[in-house]
Amino acid sequence: EYIKVIKEMPKWDPAKKDGKVVRSLYTLPVNIK
């Protein structure tokens, strides 16, 4: 379900390193009560 929702997300603002747009790894911790 979470993967399905993430796939529906609009495009993000990408990361930058040394002034260049780069690919980046994003980790999303989820805590559900």
Full PDB file with SEQRES, HELIX, SHEET, SSBOND, CRYST1, ORIGX, SCALE, CONECT and MASTER records, all heavy atoms in Angstrom:
SEQRES   1 A   33  GLU TYR ILE LYS VAL ILE LYS GLU MET PRO LYS TRP ASP          
SEQRES   2 A   33  PRO ALA LYS LYS ASP GLY LYS VAL VAL ARG SER LEU TYR          
SEQRES   3 A   33  THR LEU PRO VAL ASN ILE LYS                                  
HELIX    1 AA1 TYR A    2  LYS A    7  1                                   6    
SHEET    1 AA1 2 ALA A  15  LYS A  17  0                                        
SHEET    2 AA1 2 LYS A  20  VAL A  22 -1                                        
CRYST1    1.000    1.000    1.000  90.00  90.00  90.00 P 1           1          
ORIGX1      1.000000  0.000000  0.000000        0.00000                         
ORIGX2      0.000000  1.000000  0.000000        0.00000                         
ORIGX3      0.000000  0.000000  1.000000        0.00000                         
SCALE1      1.000000  0.000000  0.000000        0.00000                         
SCALE2      0.000000  1.000000  0.000000        0.00000                         
SCALE3      0.000000  0.000000  1.000000        0.00000                         
ATOM      1  N   GLU A   1       0.842  -1.209   0.000  1.00  0.00           N  
ATOM      2  CA  GLU A   1       0.000   0.000   0.000  1.00  0.00           C  
ATOM      3  C   GLU A   1       0.874   1.255   0.000  1.00  0.00           C  
ATOM      4  O   GLU A   1       0.628   2.195  -0.743  1.00  0.00           O  
ATOM      5  CB  GLU A   1      -0.940  -0.005   1.203  1.00  0.00           C  
ATOM      6  CG  GLU A   1      -1.841   1.206   1.284  1.00  0.00           C  
ATOM      7  CD  GLU A   1      -2.906   1.278   0.198  1.00  0.00           C  
ATOM      8  OE1 GLU A   1      -3.147   0.275  -0.500  1.00  0.00           O  
ATOM      9  OE2 GLU A   1      -3.509   2.360   0.048  1.00  0.00           O  
ATOM     10  N   TYR A   2       1.905   1.266   0.836  1.00  0.00           N  
ATOM     11  CA  TYR A   2       2.809   2.417   0.871  1.00  0.00           C  
ATOM     12  C   TYR A   2       3.554   2.576  -0.453  1.00  0.00           C  
ATOM     13  O   TYR A   2       3.720   3.691  -0.956  1.00  0.00           O  
ATOM     14  CB  TYR A   2       3.794   2.305   2.037  1.00  0.00           C  
ATOM     15  CG  TYR A   2       3.432   3.233   3.164  1.00  0.00           C  
ATOM     16  CD1 TYR A   2       2.463   2.882   4.079  1.00  0.00           C  
ATOM     17  CD2 TYR A   2       4.022   4.480   3.277  1.00  0.00           C  
ATOM     18  CE1 TYR A   2       2.108   3.739   5.098  1.00  0.00           C  
ATOM     19  CE2 TYR A   2       3.675   5.349   4.291  1.00  0.00           C  
ATOM     20  CZ  TYR A   2       2.713   4.965   5.200  1.00  0.00           C  
ATOM     21  OH  TYR A   2       2.359   5.826   6.198  1.00  0.00           O  
ATOM     22  N   ILE A   3       4.009   1.481  -1.018  1.00  0.00           N  
ATOM     23  CA  ILE A   3       4.713   1.547  -2.307  1.00  0.00           C  
ATOM     24  C   ILE A   3       3.787   2.086  -3.391  1.00  0.00           C  
ATOM     25  O   ILE A   3       4.184   2.929  -4.199  1.00  0.00           O  
ATOM     26  CB  ILE A   3       5.289   0.161  -2.678  1.00  0.00           C  
ATOM     27  CG1 ILE A   3       6.463  -0.167  -1.755  1.00  0.00           C  
ATOM     28  CG2 ILE A   3       5.717   0.112  -4.138  1.00  0.00           C  
ATOM     29  CD1 ILE A   3       7.016  -1.575  -1.888  1.00  0.00           C  
ATOM     30  N   LYS A   4       2.529   1.655  -3.377  1.00  0.00           N  
ATOM     31  CA  LYS A   4       1.550   2.147  -4.352  1.00  0.00           C  
ATOM     32  C   LYS A   4       1.384   3.672  -4.234  1.00  0.00           C  
ATOM     33  O   LYS A   4       1.390   4.388  -5.234  1.00  0.00           O  
ATOM     34  CB  LYS A   4       0.198   1.457  -4.135  1.00  0.00           C  
ATOM     35  CG  LYS A   4      -0.895   1.919  -5.090  1.00  0.00           C  
ATOM     36  CD  LYS A   4      -2.236   1.321  -4.735  1.00  0.00           C  
ATOM     37  CE  LYS A   4      -2.809   2.072  -3.618  1.00  0.00           C  
ATOM     38  NZ  LYS A   4      -4.014   2.695  -3.567  1.00  0.00           N  
ATOM     39  N   VAL A   5       1.294   4.158  -3.008  1.00  0.00           N  
ATOM     40  CA  VAL A   5       1.117   5.597  -2.787  1.00  0.00           C  
ATOM     41  C   VAL A   5       2.364   6.368  -3.213  1.00  0.00           C  
ATOM     42  O   VAL A   5       2.273   7.429  -3.839  1.00  0.00           O  
ATOM     43  CB  VAL A   5       0.763   5.885  -1.312  1.00  0.00           C  
ATOM     44  CG1 VAL A   5       0.819   7.375  -1.009  1.00  0.00           C  
ATOM     45  CG2 VAL A   5      -0.614   5.323  -0.992  1.00  0.00           C  
ATOM     46  N   ILE A   6       3.534   5.849  -2.909  1.00  0.00           N  
ATOM     47  CA  ILE A   6       4.774   6.526  -3.297  1.00  0.00           C  
ATOM     48  C   ILE A   6       4.889   6.606  -4.821  1.00  0.00           C  
ATOM     49  O   ILE A   6       5.328   7.614  -5.367  1.00  0.00           O  
ATOM     50  CB  ILE A   6       5.998   5.841  -2.651  1.00  0.00           C  
ATOM     51  CG1 ILE A   6       5.972   6.092  -1.148  1.00  0.00           C  
ATOM     52  CG2 ILE A   6       7.304   6.338  -3.261  1.00  0.00           C  
ATOM     53  CD1 ILE A   6       6.981   5.301  -0.348  1.00  0.00           C  
ATOM     54  N   LYS A   7       4.448   5.559  -5.510  1.00  0.00           N  
ATOM     55  CA  LYS A   7       4.465   5.579  -6.975  1.00  0.00           C  
ATOM     56  C   LYS A   7       3.555   6.660  -7.545  1.00  0.00           C  
ATOM     57  O   LYS A   7       3.786   7.150  -8.650  1.00  0.00           O  
ATOM     58  CB  LYS A   7       4.042   4.217  -7.531  1.00  0.00           C  
ATOM     59  CG  LYS A   7       5.089   3.151  -7.401  1.00  0.00           C  
ATOM     60  CD  LYS A   7       4.597   1.834  -7.970  1.00  0.00           C  
ATOM     61  CE  LYS A   7       5.656   0.751  -7.867  1.00  0.00           C  
ATOM     62  NZ  LYS A   7       5.166  -0.543  -8.381  1.00  0.00           N  
ATOM     63  N   GLU A   8       2.525   7.039  -6.803  1.00  0.00           N  
ATOM     64  CA  GLU A   8       1.581   8.066  -7.257  1.00  0.00           C  
ATOM     65  C   GLU A   8       2.055   9.483  -6.956  1.00  0.00           C  
ATOM     66  O   GLU A   8       1.431  10.450  -7.405  1.00  0.00           O  
ATOM     67  CB  GLU A   8       0.220   7.843  -6.589  1.00  0.00           C  
ATOM     68  CG  GLU A   8      -0.466   6.569  -7.002  1.00  0.00           C  
ATOM     69  CD  GLU A   8      -1.763   6.322  -6.232  1.00  0.00           C  
ATOM     70  OE1 GLU A   8      -2.215   7.219  -5.473  1.00  0.00           O  
ATOM     71  OE2 GLU A   8      -2.337   5.232  -6.390  1.00  0.00           O  
ATOM     72  N   MET A   9       3.147   9.624  -6.210  1.00  0.00           N  
ATOM     73  CA  MET A   9       3.618  10.956  -5.832  1.00  0.00           C  
ATOM     74  C   MET A   9       3.998  11.779  -7.064  1.00  0.00           C  
ATOM     75  O   MET A   9       4.479  11.231  -8.052  1.00  0.00           O  
ATOM     76  CB  MET A   9       4.842  10.850  -4.921  1.00  0.00           C  
ATOM     77  CG  MET A   9       4.535  10.419  -3.527  1.00  0.00           C  
ATOM     78  SD  MET A   9       6.056  10.422  -2.529  1.00  0.00           S  
ATOM     79  CE  MET A   9       5.357  10.135  -0.925  1.00  0.00           C  
ATOM     80  N   PRO A  10       3.795  13.094  -6.970  1.00  0.00           N  
ATOM     81  CA  PRO A  10       4.282  13.957  -8.054  1.00  0.00           C  
ATOM     82  C   PRO A  10       5.811  13.973  -8.039  1.00  0.00           C  
ATOM     83  O   PRO A  10       6.434  13.509  -7.081  1.00  0.00           O  
ATOM     84  CB  PRO A  10       3.723  15.332  -7.686  1.00  0.00           C  
ATOM     85  CG  PRO A  10       3.527  15.284  -6.208  1.00  0.00           C  
ATOM     86  CD  PRO A  10       3.181  13.848  -5.881  1.00  0.00           C  
ATOM     87  N   LYS A  11       6.391  14.513  -9.084  1.00  0.00           N  
ATOM     88  CA  LYS A  11       7.855  14.601  -9.136  1.00  0.00           C  
ATOM     89  C   LYS A  11       8.372  15.475  -7.993  1.00  0.00           C  
ATOM     90  O   LYS A  11       7.767  16.478  -7.641  1.00  0.00           O  
ATOM     91  CB  LYS A  11       8.307  15.177 -10.482  1.00  0.00           C  
ATOM     92  CG  LYS A  11       8.125  14.190 -11.606  1.00  0.00           C  
ATOM     93  CD  LYS A  11       8.791  14.671 -12.870  1.00  0.00           C  
ATOM     94  CE  LYS A  11       8.705  13.578 -13.918  1.00  0.00           C  
ATOM     95  NZ  LYS A  11       9.464  13.909 -15.106  1.00  0.00           N  
ATOM     96  N   TRP A  12       9.483  15.034  -7.446  1.00  0.00           N  
ATOM     97  CA  TRP A  12      10.132  15.737  -6.349  1.00  0.00           C  
ATOM     98  C   TRP A  12      11.085  16.788  -6.891  1.00  0.00           C  
ATOM     99  O   TRP A  12      11.451  16.784  -8.064  1.00  0.00           O  
ATOM    100  CB  TRP A  12      10.922  14.747  -5.506  1.00  0.00           C  
ATOM    101  CG  TRP A  12      10.090  13.874  -4.615  1.00  0.00           C  
ATOM    102  CD1 TRP A  12       8.933  13.231  -4.918  1.00  0.00           C  
ATOM    103  CD2 TRP A  12      10.380  13.536  -3.271  1.00  0.00           C  
ATOM    104  NE1 TRP A  12       8.487  12.520  -3.857  1.00  0.00           N  
ATOM    105  CE2 TRP A  12       9.364  12.679  -2.828  1.00  0.00           C  
ATOM    106  CE3 TRP A  12      11.414  13.862  -2.401  1.00  0.00           C  
ATOM    107  CZ2 TRP A  12       9.341  12.163  -1.543  1.00  0.00           C  
ATOM    108  CZ3 TRP A  12      11.388  13.335  -1.124  1.00  0.00           C  
ATOM    109  CH2 TRP A  12      10.360  12.508  -0.702  1.00  0.00           C  
ATOM    110  N   ASP A  13      11.535  17.665  -5.995  1.00  0.00           N  
ATOM    111  CA  ASP A  13      12.643  18.564  -6.305  1.00  0.00           C  
ATOM    112  C   ASP A  13      13.904  17.733  -6.064  1.00  0.00           C  
ATOM    113  O   ASP A  13      14.131  17.279  -4.934  1.00  0.00           O  
ATOM    114  CB  ASP A  13      12.628  19.793  -5.397  1.00  0.00           C  
ATOM    115  CG  ASP A  13      11.358  20.616  -5.579  1.00  0.00           C  
ATOM    116  OD1 ASP A  13      10.869  20.710  -6.719  1.00  0.00           O  
ATOM    117  OD2 ASP A  13      10.850  21.149  -4.572  1.00  0.00           O  
ATOM    118  N   PRO A  14      14.705  17.497  -7.101  1.00  0.00           N  
ATOM    119  CA  PRO A  14      15.853  16.592  -6.948  1.00  0.00           C  
ATOM    120  C   PRO A  14      16.957  17.175  -6.070  1.00  0.00           C  
ATOM    121  O   PRO A  14      17.008  18.376  -5.822  1.00  0.00           O  
ATOM    122  CB  PRO A  14      16.339  16.393  -8.386  1.00  0.00           C  
ATOM    123  CG  PRO A  14      15.855  17.585  -9.120  1.00  0.00           C  
ATOM    124  CD  PRO A  14      14.592  18.024  -8.449  1.00  0.00           C  
ATOM    125  N   ALA A  15      17.842  16.296  -5.638  1.00  0.00           N  
ATOM    126  CA  ALA A  15      18.979  16.689  -4.800  1.00  0.00           C  
ATOM    127  C   ALA A  15      20.047  17.370  -5.658  1.00  0.00           C  
ATOM    128  O   ALA A  15      20.092  17.198  -6.875  1.00  0.00           O  
ATOM    129  CB  ALA A  15      19.562  15.454  -4.124  1.00  0.00           C  
ATOM    130  N   LYS A  16      20.916  18.118  -4.967  1.00  0.00           N  
ATOM    131  CA  LYS A  16      22.039  18.774  -5.642  1.00  0.00           C  
ATOM    132  C   LYS A  16      23.304  18.537  -4.834  1.00  0.00           C  
ATOM    133  O   LYS A  16      23.295  18.567  -3.608  1.00  0.00           O  
ATOM    134  CB  LYS A  16      21.797  20.273  -5.779  1.00  0.00           C  
ATOM    135  CG  LYS A  16      20.686  20.610  -6.736  1.00  0.00           C  
ATOM    136  CD  LYS A  16      20.533  22.096  -6.909  1.00  0.00           C  
ATOM    137  CE  LYS A  16      19.397  22.373  -7.881  1.00  0.00           C  
ATOM    138  NZ  LYS A  16      19.170  23.812  -8.024  1.00  0.00           N  
ATOM    139  N   LYS A  17      24.369  18.288  -5.570  1.00  0.00           N  
ATOM    140  CA  LYS A  17      25.691  18.129  -4.967  1.00  0.00           C  
ATOM    141  C   LYS A  17      26.686  18.899  -5.822  1.00  0.00           C  
ATOM    142  O   LYS A  17      26.728  18.716  -7.030  1.00  0.00           O  
ATOM    143  CB  LYS A  17      26.076  16.657  -4.881  1.00  0.00           C  
ATOM    144  CG  LYS A  17      27.393  16.424  -4.156  1.00  0.00           C  
ATOM    145  CD  LYS A  17      27.536  14.969  -3.774  1.00  0.00           C  
ATOM    146  CE  LYS A  17      28.793  14.694  -3.011  1.00  0.00           C  
ATOM    147  NZ  LYS A  17      28.781  15.233  -1.659  1.00  0.00           N  
ATOM    148  N   ASP A  18      27.442  19.765  -5.185  1.00  0.00           N  
ATOM    149  CA  ASP A  18      28.422  20.606  -5.883  1.00  0.00           C  
ATOM    150  C   ASP A  18      27.765  21.378  -7.029  1.00  0.00           C  
ATOM    151  O   ASP A  18      28.345  21.519  -8.108  1.00  0.00           O  
ATOM    152  CB  ASP A  18      29.586  19.757  -6.397  1.00  0.00           C  
ATOM    153  CG  ASP A  18      30.327  19.046  -5.272  1.00  0.00           C  
ATOM    154  OD1 ASP A  18      30.410  19.614  -4.162  1.00  0.00           O  
ATOM    155  OD2 ASP A  18      30.813  17.924  -5.495  1.00  0.00           O  
ATOM    156  N   GLY A  19      26.544  21.821  -6.815  1.00  0.00           N  
ATOM    157  CA  GLY A  19      25.843  22.629  -7.805  1.00  0.00           C  
ATOM    158  C   GLY A  19      25.191  21.847  -8.936  1.00  0.00           C  
ATOM    159  O   GLY A  19      24.576  22.430  -9.808  1.00  0.00           O  
ATOM    160  N   LYS A  20      25.341  20.528  -8.933  1.00  0.00           N  
ATOM    161  CA  LYS A  20      24.769  19.691  -9.990  1.00  0.00           C  
ATOM    162  C   LYS A  20      23.586  18.898  -9.444  1.00  0.00           C  
ATOM    163  O   LYS A  20      23.599  18.449  -8.304  1.00  0.00           O  
ATOM    164  CB  LYS A  20      25.794  18.690 -10.518  1.00  0.00           C  
ATOM    165  CG  LYS A  20      26.931  19.273 -11.289  1.00  0.00           C  
ATOM    166  CD  LYS A  20      27.822  18.130 -11.755  1.00  0.00           C  
ATOM    167  CE  LYS A  20      29.019  18.617 -12.521  1.00  0.00           C  
ATOM    168  NZ  LYS A  20      29.885  17.501 -12.906  1.00  0.00           N  
ATOM    169  N   VAL A  21      22.594  18.700 -10.283  1.00  0.00           N  
ATOM    170  CA  VAL A  21      21.464  17.843  -9.929  1.00  0.00           C  
ATOM    171  C   VAL A  21      21.951  16.397  -9.975  1.00  0.00           C  
ATOM    172  O   VAL A  21      22.606  15.990 -10.930  1.00  0.00           O  
ATOM    173  CB  VAL A  21      20.284  18.056 -10.908  1.00  0.00           C  
ATOM    174  CG1 VAL A  21      19.176  17.063 -10.656  1.00  0.00           C  
ATOM    175  CG2 VAL A  21      19.761  19.486 -10.802  1.00  0.00           C  
ATOM    176  N   VAL A  22      21.656  15.639  -8.917  1.00  0.00           N  
ATOM    177  CA  VAL A  22      22.127  14.255  -8.813  1.00  0.00           C  
ATOM    178  C   VAL A  22      20.994  13.331  -8.386  1.00  0.00           C  
ATOM    179  O   VAL A  22      19.966  13.777  -7.883  1.00  0.00           O  
ATOM    180  CB  VAL A  22      23.292  14.131  -7.792  1.00  0.00           C  
ATOM    181  CG1 VAL A  22      24.513  14.899  -8.262  1.00  0.00           C  
ATOM    182  CG2 VAL A  22      22.854  14.572  -6.407  1.00  0.00           C  
ATOM    183  N   ARG A  23      21.222  12.044  -8.590  1.00  0.00           N  
ATOM    184  CA  ARG A  23      20.318  11.009  -8.076  1.00  0.00           C  
ATOM    185  C   ARG A  23      20.596  10.862  -6.582  1.00  0.00           C  
ATOM    186  O   ARG A  23      21.751  10.939  -6.164  1.00  0.00           O  
ATOM    187  CB  ARG A  23      20.576   9.682  -8.773  1.00  0.00           C  
ATOM    188  CG  ARG A  23      20.384   9.728 -10.263  1.00  0.00           C  
ATOM    189  CD  ARG A  23      20.851   8.460 -10.930  1.00  0.00           C  
ATOM    190  NE  ARG A  23      19.850   7.404 -10.707  1.00  0.00           N  
ATOM    191  CZ  ARG A  23      20.133   6.111 -10.679  1.00  0.00           C  
ATOM    192  NH1 ARG A  23      21.366   5.683 -10.831  1.00  0.00           N  
ATOM    193  NH2 ARG A  23      19.176   5.227 -10.475  1.00  0.00           N  
ATOM    194  N   SER A  24      19.557  10.636  -5.794  1.00  0.00           N  
ATOM    195  CA  SER A  24      19.767  10.509  -4.355  1.00  0.00           C  
ATOM    196  C   SER A  24      18.877   9.429  -3.750  1.00  0.00           C  
ATOM    197  O   SER A  24      17.807   9.130  -4.272  1.00  0.00           O  
ATOM    198  CB  SER A  24      19.513  11.842  -3.647  1.00  0.00           C  
ATOM    199  OG  SER A  24      18.161  12.228  -3.790  1.00  0.00           O  
ATOM    200  N   LEU A  25      19.361   8.865  -2.656  1.00  0.00           N  
ATOM    201  CA  LEU A  25      18.607   7.859  -1.921  1.00  0.00           C  
ATOM    202  C   LEU A  25      17.856   8.551  -0.801  1.00  0.00           C  
ATOM    203  O   LEU A  25      18.430   9.312  -0.023  1.00  0.00           O  
ATOM    204  CB  LEU A  25      19.556   6.804  -1.335  1.00  0.00           C  
ATOM    205  CG  LEU A  25      18.875   5.656  -0.603  1.00  0.00           C  
ATOM    206  CD1 LEU A  25      18.100   4.789  -1.602  1.00  0.00           C  
ATOM    207  CD2 LEU A  25      19.906   4.805   0.120  1.00  0.00           C  
ATOM    208  N   TYR A  26      16.579   8.302  -0.726  1.00  0.00           N  
ATOM    209  CA  TYR A  26      15.718   8.897   0.294  1.00  0.00           C  
ATOM    210  C   TYR A  26      15.173   7.764   1.149  1.00  0.00           C  
ATOM    211  O   TYR A  26      14.655   6.783   0.622  1.00  0.00           O  
ATOM    212  CB  TYR A  26      14.574   9.655  -0.372  1.00  0.00           C  
ATOM    213  CG  TYR A  26      13.761  10.511   0.559  1.00  0.00           C  
ATOM    214  CD1 TYR A  26      14.032  11.864   0.688  1.00  0.00           C  
ATOM    215  CD2 TYR A  26      12.717   9.975   1.295  1.00  0.00           C  
ATOM    216  CE1 TYR A  26      13.283  12.668   1.532  1.00  0.00           C  
ATOM    217  CE2 TYR A  26      11.967  10.768   2.140  1.00  0.00           C  
ATOM    218  CZ  TYR A  26      12.254  12.111   2.256  1.00  0.00           C  
ATOM    219  OH  TYR A  26      11.506  12.902   3.100  1.00  0.00           O  
ATOM    220  N   THR A  27      15.288   7.890   2.463  1.00  0.00           N  
ATOM    221  CA  THR A  27      14.759   6.891   3.380  1.00  0.00           C  
ATOM    222  C   THR A  27      13.618   7.515   4.166  1.00  0.00           C  
ATOM    223  O   THR A  27      13.784   8.567   4.793  1.00  0.00           O  
ATOM    224  CB  THR A  27      15.846   6.389   4.346  1.00  0.00           C  
ATOM    225  OG1 THR A  27      16.918   5.847   3.572  1.00  0.00           O  
ATOM    226  CG2 THR A  27      15.301   5.312   5.260  1.00  0.00           C  
ATOM    227  N   LEU A  28      12.480   6.862   4.115  1.00  0.00           N  
ATOM    228  CA  LEU A  28      11.276   7.354   4.782  1.00  0.00           C  
ATOM    229  C   LEU A  28      10.901   6.403   5.920  1.00  0.00           C  
ATOM    230  O   LEU A  28      10.373   5.325   5.671  1.00  0.00           O  
ATOM    231  CB  LEU A  28      10.126   7.433   3.771  1.00  0.00           C  
ATOM    232  CG  LEU A  28       8.781   7.898   4.290  1.00  0.00           C  
ATOM    233  CD1 LEU A  28       8.837   9.363   4.707  1.00  0.00           C  
ATOM    234  CD2 LEU A  28       7.709   7.693   3.226  1.00  0.00           C  
ATOM    235  N   PRO A  29      11.202   6.787   7.180  1.00  0.00           N  
ATOM    236  CA  PRO A  29      10.769   5.950   8.297  1.00  0.00           C  
ATOM    237  C   PRO A  29       9.271   6.156   8.529  1.00  0.00           C  
ATOM    238  O   PRO A  29       8.777   7.279   8.471  1.00  0.00           O  
ATOM    239  CB  PRO A  29      11.557   6.472   9.494  1.00  0.00           C  
ATOM    240  CG  PRO A  29      12.523   7.456   8.956  1.00  0.00           C  
ATOM    241  CD  PRO A  29      12.042   7.872   7.618  1.00  0.00           C  
ATOM    242  N   VAL A  30       8.562   5.082   8.785  1.00  0.00           N  
ATOM    243  CA  VAL A  30       7.122   5.157   9.001  1.00  0.00           C  
ATOM    244  C   VAL A  30       6.799   4.516  10.344  1.00  0.00           C  
ATOM    245  O   VAL A  30       7.249   3.411  10.632  1.00  0.00           O  
ATOM    246  CB  VAL A  30       6.357   4.430   7.872  1.00  0.00           C  
ATOM    247  CG1 VAL A  30       4.864   4.490   8.111  1.00  0.00           C  
ATOM    248  CG2 VAL A  30       6.713   5.019   6.517  1.00  0.00           C  
ATOM    249  N   ASN A  31       6.042   5.219  11.164  1.00  0.00           N  
ATOM    250  CA  ASN A  31       5.595   4.716  12.458  1.00  0.00           C  
ATOM    251  C   ASN A  31       4.076   4.836  12.473  1.00  0.00           C  
ATOM    252  O   ASN A  31       3.541   5.940  12.461  1.00  0.00           O  
ATOM    253  CB  ASN A  31       6.217   5.532  13.588  1.00  0.00           C  
ATOM    254  CG  ASN A  31       5.748   5.092  14.954  1.00  0.00           C  
ATOM    255  OD1 ASN A  31       5.078   4.073  15.094  1.00  0.00           O  
ATOM    256  ND2 ASN A  31       6.094   5.860  15.963  1.00  0.00           N  
ATOM    257  N   ILE A  32       3.385   3.693  12.505  1.00  0.00           N  
ATOM    258  CA  ILE A  32       1.923   3.698  12.490  1.00  0.00           C  
ATOM    259  C   ILE A  32       1.431   3.102  13.796  1.00  0.00           C  
ATOM    260  O   ILE A  32       1.823   1.995  14.175  1.00  0.00           O  
ATOM    261  CB  ILE A  32       1.373   2.864  11.312  1.00  0.00           C  
ATOM    262  CG1 ILE A  32       1.918   3.407  10.002  1.00  0.00           C  
ATOM    263  CG2 ILE A  32      -0.147   2.872  11.319  1.00  0.00           C  
ATOM    264  CD1 ILE A  32       1.594   2.537   8.811  1.00  0.00           C  
ATOM    265  N   LYS A  33       0.563   3.841  14.491  1.00  0.00           N  
ATOM    266  CA  LYS A  33      -0.077   3.350  15.708  1.00  0.00           C  
ATOM    267  C   LYS A  33      -1.550   3.164  15.386  1.00  0.00           C  
ATOM    268  O   LYS A  33      -2.280   4.139  15.176  1.00  0.00           O  
ATOM    269  CB  LYS A  33       0.102   4.349  16.848  1.00  0.00           C  
ATOM    270  CG  LYS A  33       1.534   4.513  17.267  1.00  0.00           C  
ATOM    271  CD  LYS A  33       1.685   5.557  18.355  1.00  0.00           C  
ATOM    272  CE  LYS A  33       3.149   5.763  18.682  1.00  0.00           C  
ATOM    273  NZ  LYS A  33       3.357   6.847  19.633  1.00  0.00           N  
TER     274      LYS A  33                                                      
MASTER        0    0    0    1    2    0    0    6  273    1    0    3          
END                                                                             
